[in-house]
Amino acid sequence: MDEQLCPLCNGLAQLRLHCPACGGLLRDNGTLQDQLGPYAPYEENSGLRGPAGCMHQVICPFCQAVYHFTLPV
């Protein structure tokens, strides 16, 4: 698999994770880069790129917990 191809961003996979705090199904809130601003993906050494090329912010709609998730390659 291409290291720059994120299965979540490209609709190749669906996120099916449960909240560690309450057990609710987590919702993908998009990439962390998108949350931080338009130039975040282009900044070098920003720490926002995981092995799949991007890090996603996930939110629990029940308890409002926020987590960061990167798919393993």
N, C-alpha and C. Protein backbone atom coordinates (compact mmCIF):
# COMPACT_ATOMS: atom_id res chain seq x y z
N MET A 1 0.84 -1.19 0.00
CA MET A 1 0.00 0.00 0.00
C MET A 1 0.88 1.24 0.00
N ASP A 2 0.49 2.25 -0.74
CA ASP A 2 1.23 3.50 -0.82
C ASP A 2 1.20 4.18 0.55
N GLU A 3 2.38 4.64 1.01
CA GLU A 3 2.46 5.27 2.33
C GLU A 3 1.67 6.57 2.40
N GLN A 4 1.44 7.23 1.27
CA GLN A 4 0.73 8.50 1.27
C GLN A 4 -0.78 8.33 1.08
N LEU A 5 -1.25 7.10 0.95
CA LEU A 5 -2.67 6.85 0.72
C LEU A 5 -3.35 6.46 2.03
N CYS A 6 -4.20 7.32 2.52
CA CYS A 6 -4.93 7.04 3.75
C CYS A 6 -6.26 6.37 3.38
N PRO A 7 -6.49 5.15 3.85
CA PRO A 7 -7.74 4.46 3.52
C PRO A 7 -8.99 5.19 4.02
N LEU A 8 -8.88 5.90 5.14
CA LEU A 8 -10.04 6.64 5.65
C LEU A 8 -10.36 7.84 4.78
N CYS A 9 -9.33 8.60 4.41
CA CYS A 9 -9.55 9.80 3.59
C CYS A 9 -10.05 9.45 2.20
N ASN A 10 -9.64 8.30 1.68
CA ASN A 10 -9.98 7.91 0.32
C ASN A 10 -11.19 6.99 0.24
N GLY A 11 -11.90 6.80 1.34
CA GLY A 11 -13.12 6.00 1.34
C GLY A 11 -12.89 4.51 1.14
N LEU A 12 -11.67 4.03 1.40
CA LEU A 12 -11.36 2.61 1.24
C LEU A 12 -11.62 1.82 2.51
N ALA A 13 -11.81 2.50 3.61
CA ALA A 13 -12.07 1.83 4.89
C ALA A 13 -13.00 2.71 5.72
N GLN A 14 -13.72 2.06 6.63
CA GLN A 14 -14.58 2.79 7.56
C GLN A 14 -14.03 2.62 8.96
N LEU A 15 -14.13 3.65 9.74
CA LEU A 15 -13.66 3.62 11.12
C LEU A 15 -14.71 2.94 12.00
N ARG A 16 -14.33 1.88 12.68
CA ARG A 16 -15.24 1.17 13.59
C ARG A 16 -14.52 0.98 14.92
N LEU A 17 -14.37 2.06 15.66
CA LEU A 17 -13.72 2.03 16.97
C LEU A 17 -14.72 2.44 18.03
N HIS A 18 -14.52 1.88 19.22
CA HIS A 18 -15.37 2.23 20.35
C HIS A 18 -14.60 3.08 21.34
N CYS A 19 -15.29 3.99 21.98
CA CYS A 19 -14.70 4.91 22.94
C CYS A 19 -14.19 4.14 24.15
N PRO A 20 -12.93 4.34 24.53
CA PRO A 20 -12.41 3.68 25.72
C PRO A 20 -13.10 4.15 27.01
N ALA A 21 -13.66 5.36 27.00
CA ALA A 21 -14.28 5.91 28.20
C ALA A 21 -15.70 5.38 28.43
N CYS A 22 -16.53 5.33 27.36
CA CYS A 22 -17.93 4.95 27.57
C CYS A 22 -18.39 3.79 26.69
N GLY A 23 -17.61 3.39 25.70
CA GLY A 23 -17.98 2.28 24.84
C GLY A 23 -18.79 2.67 23.62
N GLY A 24 -19.11 3.96 23.46
CA GLY A 24 -19.87 4.41 22.30
C GLY A 24 -19.04 4.32 21.03
N LEU A 25 -19.70 4.29 19.89
CA LEU A 25 -19.02 4.23 18.60
C LEU A 25 -18.45 5.60 18.27
N LEU A 26 -17.14 5.64 18.01
CA LEU A 26 -16.47 6.91 17.71
C LEU A 26 -16.81 7.39 16.30
N ARG A 27 -16.81 8.70 16.12
CA ARG A 27 -17.09 9.33 14.83
C ARG A 27 -15.81 9.99 14.32
N ASP A 28 -15.49 9.75 13.06
CA ASP A 28 -14.32 10.38 12.43
C ASP A 28 -14.64 11.84 12.19
N ASN A 29 -13.82 12.73 12.73
CA ASN A 29 -14.02 14.16 12.57
C ASN A 29 -13.08 14.74 11.52
N GLY A 30 -12.46 13.87 10.72
CA GLY A 30 -11.55 14.34 9.68
C GLY A 30 -10.10 14.33 10.16
N THR A 31 -9.24 14.80 9.30
CA THR A 31 -7.82 14.78 9.63
C THR A 31 -7.47 15.88 10.62
N LEU A 32 -6.48 15.61 11.41
CA LEU A 32 -6.00 16.61 12.37
C LEU A 32 -5.45 17.82 11.62
N GLN A 33 -4.85 17.59 10.47
CA GLN A 33 -4.34 18.69 9.66
C GLN A 33 -5.46 19.65 9.28
N ASP A 34 -6.63 19.11 8.91
CA ASP A 34 -7.76 19.96 8.54
C ASP A 34 -8.25 20.78 9.73
N GLN A 35 -8.15 20.22 10.92
CA GLN A 35 -8.62 20.91 12.13
C GLN A 35 -7.70 22.08 12.50
N LEU A 36 -6.41 21.97 12.15
CA LEU A 36 -5.43 22.97 12.57
C LEU A 36 -5.20 24.10 11.58
N GLY A 37 -5.76 24.00 10.39
CA GLY A 37 -5.63 25.10 9.45
C GLY A 37 -5.20 24.65 8.07
N PRO A 38 -5.33 25.55 7.09
CA PRO A 38 -5.09 25.18 5.70
C PRO A 38 -3.64 24.85 5.37
N TYR A 39 -2.69 25.36 6.13
CA TYR A 39 -1.28 25.11 5.80
C TYR A 39 -0.65 23.99 6.64
N ALA A 40 -1.37 23.44 7.59
CA ALA A 40 -0.83 22.41 8.47
C ALA A 40 -0.29 21.19 7.73
N PRO A 41 -0.95 20.68 6.68
CA PRO A 41 -0.41 19.49 6.00
C PRO A 41 0.91 19.75 5.29
N TYR A 42 1.22 21.03 5.01
CA TYR A 42 2.42 21.35 4.25
C TYR A 42 3.61 21.73 5.12
N GLU A 43 3.41 21.84 6.42
CA GLU A 43 4.49 22.20 7.32
C GLU A 43 5.34 20.98 7.62
N GLU A 44 6.64 21.11 7.42
CA GLU A 44 7.54 19.99 7.69
C GLU A 44 7.71 19.79 9.19
N ASN A 45 7.90 18.54 9.58
CA ASN A 45 8.14 18.17 10.98
C ASN A 45 7.04 18.65 11.91
N SER A 46 5.82 18.69 11.41
CA SER A 46 4.72 19.16 12.25
C SER A 46 4.24 18.10 13.23
N GLY A 47 4.65 16.83 13.01
CA GLY A 47 4.22 15.77 13.90
C GLY A 47 2.81 15.30 13.63
N LEU A 48 2.22 15.74 12.52
CA LEU A 48 0.83 15.40 12.23
C LEU A 48 0.71 14.22 11.28
N ARG A 49 1.80 13.78 10.72
CA ARG A 49 1.74 12.68 9.76
C ARG A 49 2.10 11.38 10.45
N GLY A 50 1.21 10.40 10.31
CA GLY A 50 1.47 9.07 10.83
C GLY A 50 1.96 8.18 9.72
N PRO A 51 2.06 6.88 9.98
CA PRO A 51 2.54 5.97 8.95
C PRO A 51 1.63 5.90 7.73
N ALA A 52 0.36 6.23 7.87
CA ALA A 52 -0.55 6.20 6.72
C ALA A 52 -0.61 7.54 6.01
N GLY A 53 0.14 8.52 6.49
CA GLY A 53 0.17 9.82 5.84
C GLY A 53 -0.66 10.89 6.53
N CYS A 54 -1.57 10.50 7.42
CA CYS A 54 -2.34 11.51 8.14
C CYS A 54 -2.88 10.94 9.45
N MET A 55 -3.19 11.83 10.34
CA MET A 55 -3.74 11.46 11.63
C MET A 55 -5.17 12.00 11.69
N HIS A 56 -6.09 11.18 12.16
CA HIS A 56 -7.49 11.58 12.24
C HIS A 56 -7.87 11.92 13.66
N GLN A 57 -8.78 12.88 13.78
CA GLN A 57 -9.38 13.21 15.07
C GLN A 57 -10.70 12.45 15.14
N VAL A 58 -10.91 11.71 16.20
CA VAL A 58 -12.16 10.98 16.39
C VAL A 58 -12.83 11.49 17.66
N ILE A 59 -14.16 11.55 17.61
CA ILE A 59 -14.94 12.11 18.72
C ILE A 59 -16.03 11.13 19.10
N CYS A 60 -16.26 11.00 20.40
CA CYS A 60 -17.37 10.20 20.88
C CYS A 60 -18.59 11.11 20.99
N PRO A 61 -19.67 10.81 20.26
CA PRO A 61 -20.85 11.67 20.33
C PRO A 61 -21.60 11.56 21.65
N PHE A 62 -21.27 10.56 22.46
CA PHE A 62 -21.97 10.35 23.73
C PHE A 62 -21.31 11.08 24.89
N CYS A 63 -19.99 10.90 25.05
CA CYS A 63 -19.31 11.53 26.19
C CYS A 63 -18.40 12.69 25.79
N GLN A 64 -18.34 12.98 24.47
CA GLN A 64 -17.57 14.10 23.92
C GLN A 64 -16.05 13.94 24.05
N ALA A 65 -15.57 12.73 24.33
CA ALA A 65 -14.13 12.50 24.40
C ALA A 65 -13.53 12.63 23.00
N VAL A 66 -12.32 13.19 22.91
CA VAL A 66 -11.63 13.40 21.65
C VAL A 66 -10.34 12.60 21.67
N TYR A 67 -10.07 11.87 20.58
CA TYR A 67 -8.87 11.07 20.46
C TYR A 67 -8.24 11.31 19.09
N HIS A 68 -6.98 10.94 18.95
CA HIS A 68 -6.29 11.00 17.68
C HIS A 68 -5.93 9.59 17.26
N PHE A 69 -6.14 9.27 15.98
CA PHE A 69 -6.01 7.92 15.51
C PHE A 69 -5.30 7.89 14.17
N THR A 70 -4.34 6.98 14.01
CA THR A 70 -3.67 6.75 12.74
C THR A 70 -3.77 5.27 12.42
N LEU A 71 -4.17 4.95 11.20
CA LEU A 71 -4.24 3.56 10.78
C LEU A 71 -2.83 2.97 10.64
N PRO A 72 -2.60 1.78 11.17
CA PRO A 72 -1.30 1.14 10.93
C PRO A 72 -1.19 0.69 9.49
N VAL A 73 0.01 0.76 8.96
CA VAL A 73 0.25 0.36 7.56
C VAL A 73 0.54 -1.12 7.50
